Amino acid sequence: MAEVYVSTDIETDGFLPGENSMLSLGSAAYLPDGRLVGTWTANFETLPDGKVNPRTAQFWAGLPEAWAACRVSPRDPAEAIPDYAAWLRALPGRPVFVGYPVTFDFSFVAWYLARYAGDNPFGFSALDIKSFAMAVLGCEFRQTTKRHMPREWFAPDLPHTHVALDDALEQGALFLNLLRASRARGG
């Protein structure tokens, strides 16, 4: 069964899954040839016993439009996350989580899937765009910020807005261009 690359972005009110809440999740699923085969997005109600990280609250204070977008029609995670897991299982291949950075986004998504869906359709298949860029660029990890990446890897019509689905699409385009560059170099 082919892999499906699921570029995923989340928005949260802190850094710790379970203590802090995932506010929004957006995923864009791509076949290896670059075709977009589907998207999924939802905003979530906060965890009943969750806390807001003060530094994250300051971050959101500077982005009122993005904050407002992730608070529109929040769904109960107990209802929405099983829908997300079903969407992942219905994709035309085995899902691979793609994130930037994967360590942050995957930790929340894995925690929510385990708690509210009972399993994680990704398993432990998670690909970090920054690590992949390190290999393709032949540089140190800390040089894999977006400002060090070639401009042609970015889609100018897909801005980074801190709206989960927008950012999943933006980083999906980045990943696909990175994948093409890797293949062109024989990687």
N, C-alpha and C. Protein backbone atom coordinates (compact mmCIF):
# COMPACT_ATOMS: atom_id res chain seq x y z
N MET A 1 0.84 -1.18 0.00
CA MET A 1 0.00 0.00 0.00
C MET A 1 0.89 1.24 0.00
N ALA A 2 0.60 2.21 -0.85
CA ALA A 2 1.39 3.43 -0.97
C ALA A 2 1.27 4.29 0.29
N GLU A 3 2.26 5.13 0.48
CA GLU A 3 2.21 6.09 1.57
C GLU A 3 1.41 7.31 1.13
N VAL A 4 0.75 7.92 2.10
CA VAL A 4 0.09 9.21 1.92
C VAL A 4 0.72 10.15 2.93
N TYR A 5 1.26 11.26 2.42
CA TYR A 5 1.92 12.23 3.29
C TYR A 5 0.89 13.22 3.81
N VAL A 6 0.72 13.25 5.13
CA VAL A 6 -0.32 14.06 5.75
C VAL A 6 0.35 15.24 6.46
N SER A 7 0.47 16.34 5.73
CA SER A 7 1.03 17.56 6.29
C SER A 7 0.05 18.09 7.32
N THR A 8 0.54 18.25 8.55
CA THR A 8 -0.36 18.58 9.65
C THR A 8 0.21 19.74 10.47
N ASP A 9 -0.68 20.65 10.81
CA ASP A 9 -0.32 21.78 11.67
C ASP A 9 -1.38 21.90 12.75
N ILE A 10 -0.92 22.30 13.92
CA ILE A 10 -1.85 22.50 15.04
C ILE A 10 -1.62 23.88 15.64
N GLU A 11 -2.60 24.33 16.38
CA GLU A 11 -2.49 25.52 17.22
C GLU A 11 -2.87 25.09 18.63
N THR A 12 -2.17 25.62 19.62
CA THR A 12 -2.37 25.20 21.01
C THR A 12 -2.38 26.41 21.94
N ASP A 13 -2.66 26.15 23.21
CA ASP A 13 -2.54 27.21 24.21
C ASP A 13 -1.38 26.95 25.16
N GLY A 14 -0.44 26.10 24.72
CA GLY A 14 0.74 25.81 25.52
C GLY A 14 1.59 24.75 24.87
N PHE A 15 2.55 24.20 25.62
CA PHE A 15 3.56 23.30 25.07
C PHE A 15 3.40 21.84 25.46
N LEU A 16 2.53 21.54 26.43
CA LEU A 16 2.45 20.18 26.97
C LEU A 16 1.12 19.51 26.66
N PRO A 17 1.13 18.46 25.83
CA PRO A 17 -0.12 17.73 25.57
C PRO A 17 -0.71 17.20 26.88
N GLY A 18 -2.00 17.40 27.04
CA GLY A 18 -2.68 16.92 28.23
C GLY A 18 -2.80 17.99 29.30
N GLU A 19 -1.78 18.79 29.47
CA GLU A 19 -1.85 19.94 30.39
C GLU A 19 -2.40 21.15 29.64
N ASN A 20 -1.94 21.31 28.41
CA ASN A 20 -2.42 22.39 27.55
C ASN A 20 -3.32 21.79 26.48
N SER A 21 -4.12 22.62 25.86
CA SER A 21 -5.11 22.15 24.89
C SER A 21 -4.66 22.40 23.46
N MET A 22 -5.01 21.46 22.58
CA MET A 22 -4.90 21.69 21.15
C MET A 22 -6.16 22.46 20.76
N LEU A 23 -5.98 23.63 20.18
CA LEU A 23 -7.10 24.50 19.83
C LEU A 23 -7.62 24.23 18.43
N SER A 24 -6.71 23.83 17.53
CA SER A 24 -7.06 23.65 16.13
C SER A 24 -6.11 22.66 15.49
N LEU A 25 -6.61 21.91 14.51
CA LEU A 25 -5.81 20.95 13.77
C LEU A 25 -6.21 21.05 12.30
N GLY A 26 -5.20 21.07 11.45
CA GLY A 26 -5.45 21.05 10.01
C GLY A 26 -4.51 20.06 9.36
N SER A 27 -5.02 19.24 8.46
CA SER A 27 -4.20 18.27 7.73
C SER A 27 -4.53 18.33 6.25
N ALA A 28 -3.47 18.18 5.45
CA ALA A 28 -3.59 18.10 3.99
C ALA A 28 -2.86 16.84 3.55
N ALA A 29 -3.57 15.93 2.89
CA ALA A 29 -3.02 14.63 2.51
C ALA A 29 -2.61 14.63 1.04
N TYR A 30 -1.36 14.18 0.80
CA TYR A 30 -0.79 14.17 -0.55
C TYR A 30 -0.29 12.78 -0.91
N LEU A 31 -0.51 12.42 -2.16
CA LEU A 31 0.10 11.22 -2.70
C LEU A 31 1.57 11.51 -3.01
N PRO A 32 2.40 10.47 -3.15
CA PRO A 32 3.82 10.71 -3.45
C PRO A 32 4.08 11.53 -4.71
N ASP A 33 3.14 11.52 -5.65
CA ASP A 33 3.32 12.33 -6.87
C ASP A 33 2.92 13.79 -6.67
N GLY A 34 2.49 14.15 -5.47
CA GLY A 34 2.16 15.53 -5.16
C GLY A 34 0.68 15.88 -5.23
N ARG A 35 -0.16 14.94 -5.65
CA ARG A 35 -1.60 15.24 -5.72
C ARG A 35 -2.21 15.36 -4.33
N LEU A 36 -2.94 16.44 -4.12
CA LEU A 36 -3.70 16.63 -2.89
C LEU A 36 -4.93 15.73 -2.96
N VAL A 37 -5.09 14.84 -1.98
CA VAL A 37 -6.24 13.91 -2.00
C VAL A 37 -7.28 14.22 -0.94
N GLY A 38 -7.02 15.21 -0.11
CA GLY A 38 -8.02 15.59 0.87
C GLY A 38 -7.46 16.47 1.96
N THR A 39 -8.38 17.17 2.64
CA THR A 39 -8.02 17.98 3.80
C THR A 39 -9.00 17.70 4.92
N TRP A 40 -8.57 17.98 6.12
CA TRP A 40 -9.41 17.84 7.30
C TRP A 40 -9.01 18.94 8.26
N THR A 41 -9.99 19.58 8.87
CA THR A 41 -9.69 20.61 9.87
C THR A 41 -10.81 20.71 10.89
N ALA A 42 -10.45 21.10 12.09
CA ALA A 42 -11.42 21.36 13.15
C ALA A 42 -10.77 22.22 14.22
N ASN A 43 -11.60 23.01 14.86
CA ASN A 43 -11.23 23.70 16.09
C ASN A 43 -11.79 22.89 17.24
N PHE A 44 -11.12 22.95 18.39
CA PHE A 44 -11.51 22.12 19.53
C PHE A 44 -11.82 22.95 20.77
N GLU A 45 -12.75 22.44 21.55
CA GLU A 45 -12.96 22.98 22.88
C GLU A 45 -11.70 22.69 23.70
N THR A 46 -11.43 23.53 24.66
CA THR A 46 -10.26 23.30 25.51
C THR A 46 -10.52 22.15 26.47
N LEU A 47 -9.45 21.55 26.95
CA LEU A 47 -9.56 20.45 27.91
C LEU A 47 -10.18 20.98 29.20
N PRO A 48 -11.10 20.23 29.82
CA PRO A 48 -11.78 20.75 31.01
C PRO A 48 -10.82 21.07 32.15
N ASP A 49 -9.74 20.33 32.26
CA ASP A 49 -8.77 20.57 33.32
C ASP A 49 -7.47 21.19 32.78
N GLY A 50 -7.53 21.71 31.55
CA GLY A 50 -6.34 22.27 30.91
C GLY A 50 -5.96 23.63 31.46
N LYS A 51 -4.70 23.97 31.23
CA LYS A 51 -4.16 25.27 31.65
C LYS A 51 -3.66 26.00 30.41
N VAL A 52 -3.64 27.31 30.49
CA VAL A 52 -3.08 28.13 29.41
C VAL A 52 -1.67 28.56 29.82
N ASN A 53 -0.72 28.34 28.94
CA ASN A 53 0.65 28.77 29.20
C ASN A 53 0.73 30.28 29.00
N PRO A 54 1.28 31.03 29.96
CA PRO A 54 1.34 32.49 29.85
C PRO A 54 2.11 32.99 28.62
N ARG A 55 3.21 32.33 28.26
CA ARG A 55 3.97 32.75 27.06
C ARG A 55 3.15 32.54 25.79
N THR A 56 2.40 31.44 25.76
CA THR A 56 1.56 31.18 24.59
C THR A 56 0.42 32.19 24.52
N ALA A 57 -0.13 32.58 25.66
CA ALA A 57 -1.18 33.61 25.69
C ALA A 57 -0.64 34.93 25.13
N GLN A 58 0.61 35.27 25.44
CA GLN A 58 1.22 36.49 24.89
C GLN A 58 1.37 36.38 23.37
N PHE A 59 1.77 35.20 22.90
CA PHE A 59 1.89 34.96 21.46
C PHE A 59 0.55 35.23 20.78
N TRP A 60 -0.54 34.64 21.31
CA TRP A 60 -1.86 34.81 20.71
C TRP A 60 -2.34 36.25 20.80
N ALA A 61 -1.95 36.98 21.82
CA ALA A 61 -2.36 38.39 21.93
C ALA A 61 -1.86 39.21 20.75
N GLY A 62 -0.76 38.81 20.16
CA GLY A 62 -0.22 39.51 19.00
C GLY A 62 -0.81 39.06 17.67
N LEU A 63 -1.66 38.05 17.70
CA LEU A 63 -2.28 37.52 16.47
C LEU A 63 -3.79 37.41 16.64
N PRO A 64 -4.49 38.52 16.80
CA PRO A 64 -5.93 38.45 17.11
C PRO A 64 -6.77 37.78 16.01
N GLU A 65 -6.40 37.93 14.74
CA GLU A 65 -7.19 37.31 13.68
C GLU A 65 -7.01 35.79 13.69
N ALA A 66 -5.78 35.33 13.87
CA ALA A 66 -5.53 33.89 13.93
C ALA A 66 -6.20 33.29 15.18
N TRP A 67 -6.14 34.03 16.30
CA TRP A 67 -6.79 33.56 17.52
C TRP A 67 -8.30 33.42 17.29
N ALA A 68 -8.90 34.42 16.68
CA ALA A 68 -10.34 34.37 16.41
C ALA A 68 -10.67 33.19 15.50
N ALA A 69 -9.81 32.92 14.51
CA ALA A 69 -10.07 31.82 13.57
C ALA A 69 -10.06 30.47 14.28
N CYS A 70 -9.20 30.29 15.26
CA CYS A 70 -9.14 28.97 15.92
C CYS A 70 -10.17 28.83 17.04
N ARG A 71 -10.97 29.85 17.25
CA ARG A 71 -12.03 29.77 18.26
C ARG A 71 -13.42 29.72 17.63
N VAL A 72 -13.49 29.67 16.30
CA VAL A 72 -14.78 29.57 15.61
C VAL A 72 -15.30 28.14 15.70
N SER A 73 -16.50 27.97 16.19
CA SER A 73 -17.20 26.67 16.24
C SER A 73 -16.34 25.54 16.78
N PRO A 74 -15.78 25.68 17.98
CA PRO A 74 -14.96 24.59 18.51
C PRO A 74 -15.80 23.35 18.79
N ARG A 75 -15.21 22.20 18.47
CA ARG A 75 -15.89 20.90 18.67
C ARG A 75 -15.30 20.20 19.89
N ASP A 76 -16.11 19.36 20.47
CA ASP A 76 -15.65 18.51 21.56
C ASP A 76 -14.65 17.52 20.97
N PRO A 77 -13.42 17.45 21.51
CA PRO A 77 -12.44 16.52 20.96
C PRO A 77 -12.91 15.06 21.01
N ALA A 78 -13.75 14.72 21.97
CA ALA A 78 -14.25 13.34 22.07
C ALA A 78 -15.12 12.98 20.86
N GLU A 79 -15.68 13.98 20.20
CA GLU A 79 -16.49 13.75 19.00
C GLU A 79 -15.65 13.96 17.73
N ALA A 80 -14.79 14.98 17.73
CA ALA A 80 -14.06 15.34 16.52
C ALA A 80 -12.86 14.42 16.23
N ILE A 81 -12.13 14.03 17.24
CA ILE A 81 -10.91 13.23 17.01
C ILE A 81 -11.24 11.86 16.43
N PRO A 82 -12.29 11.15 16.86
CA PRO A 82 -12.63 9.92 16.15
C PRO A 82 -12.96 10.15 14.67
N ASP A 83 -13.56 11.30 14.34
CA ASP A 83 -13.80 11.64 12.93
C ASP A 83 -12.48 11.80 12.19
N TYR A 84 -11.51 12.43 12.83
CA TYR A 84 -10.19 12.61 12.22
C TYR A 84 -9.53 11.24 12.00
N ALA A 85 -9.58 10.38 12.99
CA ALA A 85 -8.99 9.04 12.85
C ALA A 85 -9.66 8.28 11.70
N ALA A 86 -10.97 8.40 11.56
CA ALA A 86 -11.68 7.73 10.46
C ALA A 86 -11.26 8.32 9.12
N TRP A 87 -11.07 9.63 9.06
CA TRP A 87 -10.59 10.27 7.83
C TRP A 87 -9.21 9.74 7.45
N LEU A 88 -8.33 9.62 8.44
CA LEU A 88 -6.99 9.09 8.18
C LEU A 88 -7.06 7.66 7.65
N ARG A 89 -7.89 6.83 8.26
CA ARG A 89 -8.01 5.43 7.84
C ARG A 89 -8.60 5.30 6.43
N ALA A 90 -9.38 6.28 6.00
CA ALA A 90 -10.01 6.23 4.68
C ALA A 90 -9.10 6.76 3.56
N LEU A 91 -7.94 7.28 3.90
CA LEU A 91 -7.03 7.79 2.86
C LEU A 91 -6.56 6.64 1.98
N PRO A 92 -6.18 6.94 0.73
CA PRO A 92 -5.79 5.88 -0.22
C PRO A 92 -4.34 5.43 -0.04
N GLY A 93 -3.97 5.12 1.18
CA GLY A 93 -2.62 4.65 1.48
C GLY A 93 -2.36 4.76 2.97
N ARG A 94 -1.16 4.36 3.35
CA ARG A 94 -0.78 4.40 4.77
C ARG A 94 -0.33 5.81 5.13
N PRO A 95 -0.97 6.44 6.13
CA PRO A 95 -0.64 7.82 6.45
C PRO A 95 0.71 7.97 7.14
N VAL A 96 1.46 8.97 6.68
CA VAL A 96 2.71 9.39 7.30
C VAL A 96 2.52 10.83 7.74
N PHE A 97 2.66 11.08 9.02
CA PHE A 97 2.54 12.43 9.56
C PHE A 97 3.73 13.25 9.09
N VAL A 98 3.48 14.45 8.57
CA VAL A 98 4.54 15.36 8.13
C VAL A 98 4.36 16.66 8.91
N GLY A 99 5.42 17.08 9.62
CA GLY A 99 5.31 18.28 10.44
C GLY A 99 6.53 19.16 10.40
N TYR A 100 6.34 20.41 10.85
CA TYR A 100 7.41 21.40 10.93
C TYR A 100 7.16 22.24 12.17
N PRO A 101 7.74 21.92 13.27
CA PRO A 101 8.57 20.75 13.59
C PRO A 101 7.69 19.59 14.02
N VAL A 102 8.07 18.42 13.65
CA VAL A 102 7.27 17.24 13.94
C VAL A 102 7.17 16.96 15.44
N THR A 103 8.21 17.27 16.19
CA THR A 103 8.21 16.94 17.62
C THR A 103 7.08 17.63 18.36
N PHE A 104 6.74 18.84 17.99
CA PHE A 104 5.67 19.56 18.67
C PHE A 104 4.30 19.08 18.22
N ASP A 105 4.05 19.17 16.92
CA ASP A 105 2.71 18.86 16.40
C ASP A 105 2.34 17.39 16.64
N PHE A 106 3.28 16.47 16.36
CA PHE A 106 2.97 15.05 16.51
C PHE A 106 2.67 14.69 17.96
N SER A 107 3.36 15.32 18.91
CA SER A 107 3.11 14.96 20.31
C SER A 107 1.66 15.26 20.71
N PHE A 108 1.13 16.40 20.27
CA PHE A 108 -0.27 16.72 20.58
C PHE A 108 -1.23 15.80 19.83
N VAL A 109 -1.00 15.62 18.54
CA VAL A 109 -1.92 14.80 17.74
C VAL A 109 -1.92 13.36 18.26
N ALA A 110 -0.76 12.81 18.57
CA ALA A 110 -0.69 11.43 19.09
C ALA A 110 -1.43 11.34 20.43
N TRP A 111 -1.26 12.33 21.30
CA TRP A 111 -1.93 12.31 22.61
C TRP A 111 -3.45 12.36 22.43
N TYR A 112 -3.93 13.26 21.57
CA TYR A 112 -5.37 13.38 21.33
C TYR A 112 -5.94 12.12 20.69
N LEU A 113 -5.22 11.55 19.73
CA LEU A 113 -5.70 10.31 19.10
C LEU A 113 -5.78 9.17 20.12
N ALA A 114 -4.76 9.04 20.96
CA ALA A 114 -4.77 7.98 21.98
C ALA A 114 -5.92 8.19 22.97
N ARG A 115 -6.10 9.41 23.41
CA ARG A 115 -7.13 9.68 24.43
C ARG A 115 -8.54 9.58 23.87
N TYR A 116 -8.77 10.12 22.68
CA TYR A 116 -10.15 10.25 22.19
C TYR A 116 -10.54 9.27 21.09
N ALA A 117 -9.56 8.65 20.43
CA ALA A 117 -9.90 7.68 19.38
C ALA A 117 -9.44 6.26 19.75
N GLY A 118 -8.62 6.15 20.77
CA GLY A 118 -8.18 4.84 21.23
C GLY A 118 -7.00 4.25 20.46
N ASP A 119 -6.62 4.87 19.35
CA ASP A 119 -5.43 4.44 18.62
C ASP A 119 -4.96 5.56 17.70
N ASN A 120 -3.79 5.36 17.13
CA ASN A 120 -3.18 6.37 16.29
C ASN A 120 -2.93 5.77 14.91
N PRO A 121 -3.73 6.14 13.89
CA PRO A 121 -3.52 5.59 12.55
C PRO A 121 -2.13 5.86 11.97
N PHE A 122 -1.41 6.85 12.49
CA PHE A 122 -0.05 7.10 12.03
C PHE A 122 0.94 6.09 12.61
N GLY A 123 0.57 5.46 13.72
CA GLY A 123 1.55 4.65 14.43
C GLY A 123 2.67 5.57 14.88
N PHE A 124 3.90 5.20 14.52
CA PHE A 124 5.05 6.04 14.84
C PHE A 124 5.65 6.62 13.57
N SER A 125 4.87 6.71 12.49
CA SER A 125 5.35 7.22 11.21
C SER A 125 5.18 8.74 11.17
N ALA A 126 6.27 9.44 11.50
CA ALA A 126 6.25 10.89 11.53
C ALA A 126 7.54 11.42 10.90
N LEU A 127 7.39 12.28 9.92
CA LEU A 127 8.53 12.81 9.17
C LEU A 127 8.68 14.30 9.50
N ASP A 128 9.90 14.68 9.88
CA ASP A 128 10.19 16.07 10.22
C ASP A 128 10.78 16.78 9.01
N ILE A 129 10.12 17.85 8.57
CA ILE A 129 10.58 18.61 7.40
C ILE A 129 11.97 19.19 7.64
N LYS A 130 12.24 19.69 8.84
CA LYS A 130 13.54 20.28 9.13
C LYS A 130 14.66 19.23 9.03
N SER A 131 14.42 18.04 9.54
CA SER A 131 15.44 16.98 9.46
C SER A 131 15.67 16.57 8.00
N PHE A 132 14.59 16.49 7.25
CA PHE A 132 14.70 16.15 5.83
C PHE A 132 15.49 17.24 5.10
N ALA A 133 15.22 18.51 5.41
CA ALA A 133 15.95 19.62 4.79
C ALA A 133 17.43 19.56 5.14
N MET A 134 17.76 19.16 6.36
CA MET A 134 19.16 19.02 6.78
C MET A 134 19.88 18.05 5.86
N ALA A 135 19.25 16.92 5.56
CA ALA A 135 19.86 15.91 4.69
C ALA A 135 20.00 16.42 3.26
N VAL A 136 18.97 17.07 2.74
CA VAL A 136 19.00 17.54 1.35
C VAL A 136 19.99 18.70 1.19
N LEU A 137 20.02 19.61 2.15
CA LEU A 137 20.90 20.77 2.05
C LEU A 137 22.34 20.47 2.48
N GLY A 138 22.53 19.37 3.20
CA GLY A 138 23.87 19.04 3.69
C GLY A 138 24.36 20.06 4.70
N CYS A 139 23.48 20.50 5.58
CA CYS A 139 23.83 21.53 6.55
C CYS A 139 23.58 21.03 7.96
N GLU A 140 23.91 21.86 8.94
CA GLU A 140 23.60 21.54 10.33
C GLU A 140 22.12 21.77 10.58
N PHE A 141 21.59 21.09 11.58
CA PHE A 141 20.16 21.16 11.87
C PHE A 141 19.69 22.59 12.12
N ARG A 142 20.44 23.36 12.88
CA ARG A 142 20.00 24.72 13.22
C ARG A 142 20.02 25.66 12.01
N GLN A 143 20.52 25.19 10.89
CA GLN A 143 20.49 25.99 9.66
C GLN A 143 19.30 25.60 8.78
N THR A 144 18.36 24.86 9.33
CA THR A 144 17.20 24.43 8.54
C THR A 144 15.96 25.29 8.81
N THR A 145 16.18 26.51 9.25
CA THR A 145 15.04 27.42 9.38
C THR A 145 14.61 27.82 7.97
N LYS A 146 13.40 28.31 7.86
CA LYS A 146 12.86 28.65 6.54
C LYS A 146 13.69 29.71 5.82
N ARG A 147 14.28 30.62 6.57
CA ARG A 147 15.07 31.67 5.90
C ARG A 147 16.34 31.14 5.25
N HIS A 148 16.78 29.93 5.64
CA HIS A 148 17.96 29.32 5.03
C HIS A 148 17.60 28.39 3.86
N MET A 149 16.33 28.17 3.63
CA MET A 149 15.91 27.25 2.56
C MET A 149 15.75 28.01 1.25
N PRO A 150 15.96 27.33 0.14
CA PRO A 150 15.80 28.00 -1.17
C PRO A 150 14.37 28.53 -1.35
N ARG A 151 14.25 29.74 -1.85
CA ARG A 151 12.95 30.39 -2.07
C ARG A 151 12.05 29.55 -2.97
N GLU A 152 12.62 28.81 -3.92
CA GLU A 152 11.78 28.03 -4.84
C GLU A 152 11.07 26.87 -4.14
N TRP A 153 11.42 26.58 -2.90
CA TRP A 153 10.72 25.54 -2.15
C TRP A 153 9.39 26.04 -1.58
N PHE A 154 9.14 27.33 -1.64
CA PHE A 154 7.95 27.92 -1.02
C PHE A 154 6.95 28.34 -2.09
N ALA A 155 5.69 28.11 -1.81
CA ALA A 155 4.61 28.53 -2.71
C ALA A 155 4.16 29.93 -2.28
N PRO A 156 4.38 30.93 -3.13
CA PRO A 156 4.06 32.31 -2.73
C PRO A 156 2.58 32.54 -2.46
N ASP A 157 1.72 31.69 -2.99
CA ASP A 157 0.28 31.86 -2.79
C ASP A 157 -0.23 31.15 -1.53
N LEU A 158 0.69 30.56 -0.75
CA LEU A 158 0.30 29.86 0.48
C LEU A 158 1.03 30.48 1.67
N PRO A 159 0.48 31.54 2.24
CA PRO A 159 1.16 32.22 3.35
C PRO A 159 1.03 31.45 4.67
N HIS A 160 1.93 31.76 5.58
CA HIS A 160 1.88 31.20 6.94
C HIS A 160 1.01 32.13 7.78
N THR A 161 -0.19 31.68 8.15
CA THR A 161 -1.17 32.55 8.81
C THR A 161 -1.43 32.19 10.27
N HIS A 162 -0.91 31.08 10.75
CA HIS A 162 -1.24 30.52 12.06
C HIS A 162 -2.70 30.08 12.14
N VAL A 163 -3.28 29.80 10.98
CA VAL A 163 -4.55 29.08 10.89
C VAL A 163 -4.15 27.67 10.46
N ALA A 164 -4.54 26.67 11.22
CA ALA A 164 -3.98 25.32 11.08
C ALA A 164 -4.03 24.79 9.65
N LEU A 165 -5.16 24.84 8.97
CA LEU A 165 -5.23 24.27 7.62
C LEU A 165 -4.39 25.09 6.63
N ASP A 166 -4.39 26.42 6.76
CA ASP A 166 -3.54 27.24 5.90
C ASP A 166 -2.08 26.80 6.03
N ASP A 167 -1.64 26.63 7.27
CA ASP A 167 -0.24 26.29 7.51
C ASP A 167 0.08 24.85 7.11
N ALA A 168 -0.89 23.95 7.22
CA ALA A 168 -0.68 22.57 6.75
C ALA A 168 -0.50 22.56 5.23
N LEU A 169 -1.28 23.35 4.52
CA LEU A 169 -1.12 23.45 3.07
C LEU A 169 0.21 24.09 2.69
N GLU A 170 0.59 25.14 3.41
CA GLU A 170 1.87 25.82 3.15
C GLU A 170 3.04 24.86 3.36
N GLN A 171 3.04 24.15 4.48
CA GLN A 171 4.17 23.25 4.73
C GLN A 171 4.08 21.99 3.87
N GLY A 172 2.89 21.62 3.41
CA GLY A 172 2.76 20.52 2.46
C GLY A 172 3.44 20.85 1.15
N ALA A 173 3.26 22.09 0.67
CA ALA A 173 3.94 22.53 -0.55
C ALA A 173 5.45 22.54 -0.35
N LEU A 174 5.90 23.01 0.81
CA LEU A 174 7.32 22.99 1.13
C LEU A 174 7.86 21.56 1.12
N PHE A 175 7.15 20.65 1.77
CA PHE A 175 7.58 19.24 1.80
C PHE A 175 7.67 18.66 0.39
N LEU A 176 6.65 18.89 -0.43
CA LEU A 176 6.66 18.32 -1.79
C LEU A 176 7.81 18.88 -2.62
N ASN A 177 8.11 20.16 -2.47
CA ASN A 177 9.25 20.73 -3.19
C ASN A 177 10.57 20.19 -2.67
N LEU A 178 10.65 19.96 -1.40
CA LEU A 178 11.83 19.34 -0.80
C LEU A 178 11.98 17.90 -1.29
N LEU A 179 10.88 17.18 -1.37
CA LEU A 179 10.89 15.81 -1.88
C LEU A 179 11.38 15.78 -3.34
N ARG A 180 10.88 16.71 -4.15
CA ARG A 180 11.34 16.80 -5.55
C ARG A 180 12.83 17.11 -5.63
N ALA A 181 13.30 18.03 -4.79
CA ALA A 181 14.72 18.37 -4.78
C ALA A 181 15.56 17.17 -4.37
N SER A 182 15.08 16.42 -3.41
CA SER A 182 15.80 15.22 -2.97
C SER A 182 15.89 14.20 -4.09
N ARG A 183 14.79 13.99 -4.78
CA ARG A 183 14.78 13.01 -5.89
C ARG A 183 15.63 13.48 -7.05
N ALA A 184 15.65 14.78 -7.32
CA ALA A 184 16.48 15.31 -8.40
C ALA A 184 17.96 15.14 -8.12
N ARG A 185 18.31 15.14 -6.82
CA ARG A 185 19.70 14.95 -6.42
C ARG A 185 20.06 13.48 -6.23
N GLY A 186 19.07 12.62 -6.51
CA GLY A 186 19.30 11.18 -6.37
C GLY A 186 19.10 10.67 -4.96
N GLY A 187 18.39 11.46 -4.11
CA GLY A 187 18.18 11.09 -2.70
C GLY A 187 16.95 10.27 -2.49
